[in-house]
C-alpha atoms as a PDB file:
ATOM      1  CA  MET A   1      -8.552 -20.067 -14.310  1.00  0.00           C
ATOM      2  CA  PRO A   2      -7.795 -19.918 -10.557  1.00  0.00           C
ATOM      3  CA  ALA A   3      -5.221 -17.189 -11.181  1.00  0.00           C
ATOM      4  CA  ASP A   4      -7.872 -15.037 -12.890  1.00  0.00           C
ATOM      5  CA  LYS A   5     -10.306 -15.471 -10.032  1.00  0.00           C
ATOM      6  CA  ASN A   6      -7.576 -14.625  -7.513  1.00  0.00           C
ATOM      7  CA  LYS A   7      -6.605 -11.537  -9.522  1.00  0.00           C
ATOM      8  CA  LYS A   8     -10.193 -10.260  -9.521  1.00  0.00           C
ATOM      9  CA  LYS A   9     -10.533 -10.991  -5.806  1.00  0.00           C
ATOM     10  CA  ASN A  10      -7.482  -8.828  -5.024  1.00  0.00           C
ATOM     11  CA  ALA A  11      -8.289  -6.057  -7.499  1.00  0.00           C
ATOM     12  CA  LYS A  12      -7.402  -2.557  -6.340  1.00  0.00           C
ATOM     13  CA  ASP A  13     -10.846  -1.003  -6.646  1.00  0.00           C
ATOM     14  CA  SER A  14     -10.933   1.477  -3.751  1.00  0.00           C
ATOM     15  CA  GLN A  15      -9.014   4.483  -2.541  1.00  0.00           C
ATOM     16  CA  LEU A  16      -8.127   5.652   0.947  1.00  0.00           C
ATOM     17  CA  ILE A  17      -7.540   9.392   1.121  1.00  0.00           C
ATOM     18  CA  ILE A  18      -5.361  10.615   3.997  1.00  0.00           C
ATOM     19  CA  ARG A  19      -3.957  13.971   4.955  1.00  0.00           C
ATOM     20  CA  ILE A  20      -0.282  13.984   5.859  1.00  0.00           C
ATOM     21  CA  ASN A  21       2.369  16.599   6.467  1.00  0.00           C
ATOM     22  CA  GLY A  22       4.091  17.435   3.168  1.00  0.00           C
ATOM     23  CA  LYS A  23       7.588  17.064   4.553  1.00  0.00           C
ATOM     24  CA  GLU A  24       6.804  13.632   5.988  1.00  0.00           C
ATOM     25  CA  ARG A  25       5.210  12.573   2.719  1.00  0.00           C
ATOM     26  CA  ASN A  26       8.235  13.673   0.717  1.00  0.00           C
ATOM     27  CA  ARG A  27      10.625  11.896   3.079  1.00  0.00           C
ATOM     28  CA  PHE A  28       8.541   8.721   2.901  1.00  0.00           C
ATOM     29  CA  VAL A  29       8.324   8.753  -0.882  1.00  0.00           C
ATOM     30  CA  LYS A  30      12.080   9.410  -1.160  1.00  0.00           C
ATOM     31  CA  LEU A  31      12.904   6.541   1.184  1.00  0.00           C
ATOM     32  CA  CYS A  32      10.615   4.220  -0.744  1.00  0.00           C
ATOM     33  CA  ASP A  33      12.295   5.222  -4.008  1.00  0.00           C
ATOM     34  CA  GLU A  34      15.721   4.566  -2.486  1.00  0.00           C
ATOM     35  CA  GLN A  35      14.547   1.085  -1.487  1.00  0.00           C
ATOM     36  CA  ASP A  36      13.129   0.431  -4.983  1.00  0.00           C
ATOM     37  CA  THR A  37       9.513   0.311  -3.852  1.00  0.00           C
ATOM     38  CA  SER A  38       6.535   2.648  -3.983  1.00  0.00           C
ATOM     39  CA  ALA A  39       4.754   4.491  -1.196  1.00  0.00           C
ATOM     40  CA  ALA A  40       1.461   2.906  -2.198  1.00  0.00           C
ATOM     41  CA  ARG A  41       2.947  -0.596  -2.097  1.00  0.00           C
ATOM     42  CA  GLU A  42       4.347  -0.006   1.398  1.00  0.00           C
ATOM     43  CA  ILE A  43       1.072   1.411   2.704  1.00  0.00           C
ATOM     44  CA  ARG A  44      -0.832  -1.558   1.271  1.00  0.00           C
ATOM     45  CA  ARG A  45       1.698  -3.888   2.927  1.00  0.00           C
ATOM     46  CA  PHE A  46       1.221  -2.058   6.256  1.00  0.00           C
ATOM     47  CA  ILE A  47      -2.562  -2.400   5.990  1.00  0.00           C
ATOM     48  CA  ARG A  48      -2.378  -6.143   5.207  1.00  0.00           C
ATOM     49  CA  GLU A  49       0.014  -6.760   8.110  1.00  0.00           C
ATOM     50  CA  TYR A  50      -2.127  -4.677  10.466  1.00  0.00           C
ATOM     51  CA  LEU A  51      -5.270  -6.574   9.494  1.00  0.00           C
ATOM     52  CA  GLU A  52      -3.498  -9.892   9.919  1.00  0.00           C
ATOM     53  CA  LYS A  53      -2.272  -8.915  13.367  1.00  0.00           C
ATOM     54  CA  TYR A  54      -5.480  -7.360  14.744  1.00  0.00           C
ATOM     55  CA  ASP A  55      -8.337  -8.798  12.698  1.00  0.00           C
END
């Protein structure tokens, strides 16, 4: 049961729309692919670390 509650608590239920230069986006996505991760995962990681540091 606790795993289910934790899963719901961390559900991805919102979007953050940003505007970024196309070349930078493509470079970022390519680098993420090369490191076997996704751009979304890395942005979520950045946000969590930022919140932890400054919140």
